[in-house]
Amino acid sequence: MNNFDGVLFSGEFSDDDELFYLRRVKNLQTQSVLSNRQLEQLHHYLSRQNSRKESCTITVNDQIPILLNQEEAKQLLSELDEIIAHL
């Protein structure tokens, strides 16, 4: 597996499937699996919120909400671009 270590997201790319194993969001450890579709949906949500110049909230493990300011949302969009391109 290939590792990805961004500012907001860290994880590993699956060798067999189009999956991303998310290990860290900001400073929180997690063990989530994101499909290409889920990554694209997250990218769409962040793009929409960013164009509105609004903050964003994402959840880790469907339990822990994380507020992203506009700069963090832009950073995460950039990281998602890299992750999606790799899949």
N, C-alpha and C. Protein backbone atom coordinates (compact mmCIF):
# COMPACT_ATOMS: atom_id res chain seq x y z
N MET A 1 0.84 -1.19 0.00
CA MET A 1 0.00 0.00 0.00
C MET A 1 0.87 1.24 0.00
N ASN A 2 0.40 2.25 -0.70
CA ASN A 2 1.08 3.54 -0.73
C ASN A 2 0.48 4.46 0.31
N ASN A 3 1.32 5.18 1.00
CA ASN A 3 0.87 6.09 2.05
C ASN A 3 0.61 7.48 1.48
N PHE A 4 -0.30 8.19 2.13
CA PHE A 4 -0.57 9.59 1.86
C PHE A 4 -0.53 10.32 3.19
N ASP A 5 0.25 11.37 3.27
CA ASP A 5 0.36 12.11 4.52
C ASP A 5 0.20 13.60 4.23
N GLY A 6 -1.05 14.07 4.33
CA GLY A 6 -1.34 15.47 4.09
C GLY A 6 -1.45 16.23 5.40
N VAL A 7 -1.77 17.48 5.31
CA VAL A 7 -1.94 18.32 6.49
C VAL A 7 -3.17 17.91 7.28
N LEU A 8 -4.28 17.62 6.59
CA LEU A 8 -5.53 17.28 7.26
C LEU A 8 -5.88 15.80 7.19
N PHE A 9 -5.54 15.13 6.10
CA PHE A 9 -5.83 13.71 5.93
C PHE A 9 -4.54 12.93 5.82
N SER A 10 -4.51 11.77 6.46
CA SER A 10 -3.43 10.80 6.27
C SER A 10 -4.05 9.44 6.14
N GLY A 11 -3.43 8.61 5.32
CA GLY A 11 -3.96 7.27 5.15
C GLY A 11 -3.16 6.48 4.14
N GLU A 12 -3.80 5.42 3.63
CA GLU A 12 -3.15 4.53 2.69
C GLU A 12 -4.08 4.24 1.52
N PHE A 13 -3.49 4.07 0.35
CA PHE A 13 -4.23 3.67 -0.83
C PHE A 13 -4.27 2.16 -0.90
N SER A 14 -5.41 1.62 -1.25
CA SER A 14 -5.54 0.18 -1.45
C SER A 14 -4.85 -0.21 -2.74
N ASP A 15 -4.16 -1.34 -2.73
CA ASP A 15 -3.51 -1.83 -3.93
C ASP A 15 -4.49 -2.51 -4.87
N ASP A 16 -5.54 -3.09 -4.33
CA ASP A 16 -6.47 -3.89 -5.12
C ASP A 16 -7.73 -3.14 -5.53
N ASP A 17 -8.27 -2.35 -4.65
CA ASP A 17 -9.55 -1.68 -4.89
C ASP A 17 -9.32 -0.18 -4.99
N GLU A 18 -10.36 0.52 -5.40
CA GLU A 18 -10.31 1.98 -5.41
C GLU A 18 -10.79 2.49 -4.07
N LEU A 19 -10.01 2.20 -3.04
CA LEU A 19 -10.35 2.59 -1.68
C LEU A 19 -9.21 3.37 -1.05
N PHE A 20 -9.58 4.25 -0.13
CA PHE A 20 -8.59 4.99 0.65
C PHE A 20 -8.85 4.69 2.12
N TYR A 21 -7.84 4.19 2.79
CA TYR A 21 -7.94 3.88 4.22
C TYR A 21 -7.50 5.11 5.00
N LEU A 22 -8.46 5.81 5.53
CA LEU A 22 -8.21 7.05 6.27
C LEU A 22 -7.75 6.71 7.68
N ARG A 23 -6.59 7.24 8.07
CA ARG A 23 -6.02 6.96 9.38
C ARG A 23 -6.03 8.18 10.33
N ARG A 24 -6.05 9.39 9.72
CA ARG A 24 -6.02 10.60 10.55
C ARG A 24 -6.78 11.71 9.85
N VAL A 25 -7.59 12.44 10.63
CA VAL A 25 -8.25 13.67 10.18
C VAL A 25 -7.84 14.75 11.17
N LYS A 26 -7.15 15.76 10.66
CA LYS A 26 -6.54 16.79 11.51
C LYS A 26 -5.68 16.10 12.56
N ASN A 27 -6.04 16.19 13.82
CA ASN A 27 -5.24 15.55 14.86
C ASN A 27 -5.93 14.34 15.48
N LEU A 28 -7.01 13.86 14.85
CA LEU A 28 -7.76 12.72 15.37
C LEU A 28 -7.42 11.45 14.62
N GLN A 29 -7.12 10.39 15.35
CA GLN A 29 -6.86 9.09 14.74
C GLN A 29 -8.19 8.42 14.41
N THR A 30 -8.22 7.72 13.29
CA THR A 30 -9.43 7.02 12.87
C THR A 30 -9.03 5.81 12.05
N GLN A 31 -9.97 4.98 11.76
CA GLN A 31 -9.77 3.85 10.86
C GLN A 31 -11.02 3.73 10.01
N SER A 32 -11.08 4.55 8.98
CA SER A 32 -12.23 4.58 8.09
C SER A 32 -11.80 4.18 6.68
N VAL A 33 -12.73 3.64 5.94
CA VAL A 33 -12.50 3.28 4.55
C VAL A 33 -13.39 4.15 3.69
N LEU A 34 -12.78 4.86 2.74
CA LEU A 34 -13.54 5.74 1.86
C LEU A 34 -13.41 5.26 0.42
N SER A 35 -14.54 5.10 -0.24
CA SER A 35 -14.54 4.72 -1.65
C SER A 35 -14.29 5.97 -2.50
N ASN A 36 -14.01 5.74 -3.76
CA ASN A 36 -13.82 6.84 -4.68
C ASN A 36 -15.07 7.72 -4.72
N ARG A 37 -16.23 7.09 -4.71
CA ARG A 37 -17.51 7.83 -4.72
C ARG A 37 -17.65 8.72 -3.48
N GLN A 38 -17.33 8.19 -2.32
CA GLN A 38 -17.42 8.97 -1.08
C GLN A 38 -16.45 10.14 -1.10
N LEU A 39 -15.25 9.92 -1.63
CA LEU A 39 -14.27 11.00 -1.74
C LEU A 39 -14.77 12.09 -2.67
N GLU A 40 -15.38 11.69 -3.77
CA GLU A 40 -15.93 12.68 -4.71
C GLU A 40 -17.10 13.44 -4.11
N GLN A 41 -17.93 12.77 -3.32
CA GLN A 41 -19.04 13.45 -2.65
C GLN A 41 -18.52 14.47 -1.64
N LEU A 42 -17.49 14.09 -0.89
CA LEU A 42 -16.88 15.02 0.06
C LEU A 42 -16.28 16.21 -0.68
N HIS A 43 -15.62 15.94 -1.79
CA HIS A 43 -15.03 17.01 -2.60
C HIS A 43 -16.11 17.97 -3.08
N HIS A 44 -17.23 17.43 -3.55
CA HIS A 44 -18.34 18.26 -4.03
C HIS A 44 -18.89 19.14 -2.90
N TYR A 45 -19.10 18.54 -1.73
CA TYR A 45 -19.61 19.29 -0.57
C TYR A 45 -18.65 20.43 -0.20
N LEU A 46 -17.36 20.13 -0.12
CA LEU A 46 -16.39 21.16 0.26
C LEU A 46 -16.32 22.26 -0.80
N SER A 47 -16.39 21.88 -2.06
CA SER A 47 -16.36 22.87 -3.15
C SER A 47 -17.55 23.81 -3.05
N ARG A 48 -18.73 23.22 -2.81
CA ARG A 48 -19.95 24.02 -2.71
C ARG A 48 -19.86 24.99 -1.52
N GLN A 49 -19.44 24.49 -0.38
CA GLN A 49 -19.33 25.34 0.81
C GLN A 49 -18.27 26.42 0.60
N ASN A 50 -17.18 26.05 -0.05
CA ASN A 50 -16.09 26.99 -0.28
C ASN A 50 -16.54 28.11 -1.22
N SER A 51 -17.32 27.77 -2.24
CA SER A 51 -17.80 28.80 -3.17
C SER A 51 -18.76 29.76 -2.48
N ARG A 52 -19.43 29.28 -1.45
CA ARG A 52 -20.33 30.13 -0.66
C ARG A 52 -19.59 30.89 0.44
N LYS A 53 -18.30 30.59 0.56
CA LYS A 53 -17.45 31.19 1.60
C LYS A 53 -17.97 30.88 2.99
N GLU A 54 -18.41 29.63 3.17
CA GLU A 54 -18.93 29.18 4.45
C GLU A 54 -18.00 28.13 5.05
N SER A 55 -18.02 28.03 6.37
CA SER A 55 -17.26 26.98 7.03
C SER A 55 -17.95 25.64 6.77
N CYS A 56 -17.24 24.56 7.03
CA CYS A 56 -17.75 23.21 6.75
C CYS A 56 -17.62 22.36 8.01
N THR A 57 -18.52 21.43 8.14
CA THR A 57 -18.42 20.45 9.21
C THR A 57 -18.41 19.07 8.60
N ILE A 58 -17.40 18.28 8.96
CA ILE A 58 -17.35 16.88 8.55
C ILE A 58 -17.34 16.04 9.83
N THR A 59 -17.68 14.79 9.71
CA THR A 59 -17.66 13.93 10.89
C THR A 59 -16.65 12.81 10.70
N VAL A 60 -16.05 12.41 11.80
CA VAL A 60 -15.13 11.28 11.82
C VAL A 60 -15.87 10.13 12.48
N ASN A 61 -15.87 8.99 11.82
CA ASN A 61 -16.56 7.80 12.33
C ASN A 61 -18.04 8.06 12.58
N ASP A 62 -18.63 8.98 11.84
CA ASP A 62 -20.04 9.35 11.99
C ASP A 62 -20.40 9.76 13.41
N GLN A 63 -19.43 10.20 14.18
CA GLN A 63 -19.68 10.56 15.57
C GLN A 63 -19.07 11.88 15.99
N ILE A 64 -17.88 12.17 15.52
CA ILE A 64 -17.14 13.33 16.00
C ILE A 64 -17.16 14.42 14.93
N PRO A 65 -17.90 15.51 15.16
CA PRO A 65 -17.91 16.59 14.17
C PRO A 65 -16.62 17.41 14.24
N ILE A 66 -16.14 17.77 13.06
CA ILE A 66 -14.94 18.60 12.95
C ILE A 66 -15.29 19.81 12.09
N LEU A 67 -15.12 20.99 12.65
CA LEU A 67 -15.38 22.22 11.92
C LEU A 67 -14.12 22.61 11.14
N LEU A 68 -14.28 22.87 9.85
CA LEU A 68 -13.18 23.33 9.01
C LEU A 68 -13.44 24.77 8.61
N ASN A 69 -12.46 25.64 8.84
CA ASN A 69 -12.59 27.01 8.36
C ASN A 69 -12.32 27.01 6.85
N GLN A 70 -12.46 28.15 6.20
CA GLN A 70 -12.31 28.23 4.75
C GLN A 70 -10.93 27.78 4.29
N GLU A 71 -9.90 28.16 5.00
CA GLU A 71 -8.54 27.78 4.61
C GLU A 71 -8.33 26.27 4.74
N GLU A 72 -8.85 25.68 5.80
CA GLU A 72 -8.75 24.23 5.98
C GLU A 72 -9.54 23.49 4.90
N ALA A 73 -10.71 24.03 4.54
CA ALA A 73 -11.51 23.42 3.48
C ALA A 73 -10.75 23.45 2.15
N LYS A 74 -10.09 24.56 1.85
CA LYS A 74 -9.28 24.64 0.63
C LYS A 74 -8.14 23.63 0.67
N GLN A 75 -7.50 23.50 1.82
CA GLN A 75 -6.41 22.53 1.97
C GLN A 75 -6.93 21.11 1.76
N LEU A 76 -8.06 20.80 2.35
CA LEU A 76 -8.62 19.46 2.20
C LEU A 76 -9.05 19.20 0.76
N LEU A 77 -9.57 20.20 0.07
CA LEU A 77 -9.90 20.05 -1.35
C LEU A 77 -8.66 19.68 -2.15
N SER A 78 -7.57 20.35 -1.86
CA SER A 78 -6.31 20.05 -2.54
C SER A 78 -5.86 18.61 -2.26
N GLU A 79 -5.97 18.19 -1.01
CA GLU A 79 -5.58 16.83 -0.65
C GLU A 79 -6.49 15.81 -1.31
N LEU A 80 -7.79 16.10 -1.35
CA LEU A 80 -8.73 15.20 -2.01
C LEU A 80 -8.43 15.07 -3.51
N ASP A 81 -8.04 16.17 -4.13
CA ASP A 81 -7.64 16.11 -5.54
C ASP A 81 -6.51 15.11 -5.74
N GLU A 82 -5.51 15.16 -4.86
CA GLU A 82 -4.38 14.23 -4.93
C GLU A 82 -4.82 12.79 -4.72
N ILE A 83 -5.66 12.59 -3.71
CA ILE A 83 -6.11 11.22 -3.38
C ILE A 83 -6.94 10.65 -4.53
N ILE A 84 -7.88 11.42 -5.03
CA ILE A 84 -8.76 10.96 -6.12
C ILE A 84 -7.93 10.66 -7.38
N ALA A 85 -6.97 11.52 -7.68
CA ALA A 85 -6.12 11.30 -8.85
C ALA A 85 -5.32 10.00 -8.72
N HIS A 86 -4.94 9.65 -7.50
CA HIS A 86 -4.15 8.44 -7.29
C HIS A 86 -5.01 7.18 -7.45
N LEU A 87 -6.29 7.28 -7.11
CA LEU A 87 -7.18 6.12 -7.22
C LEU A 87 -7.51 5.92 -8.67
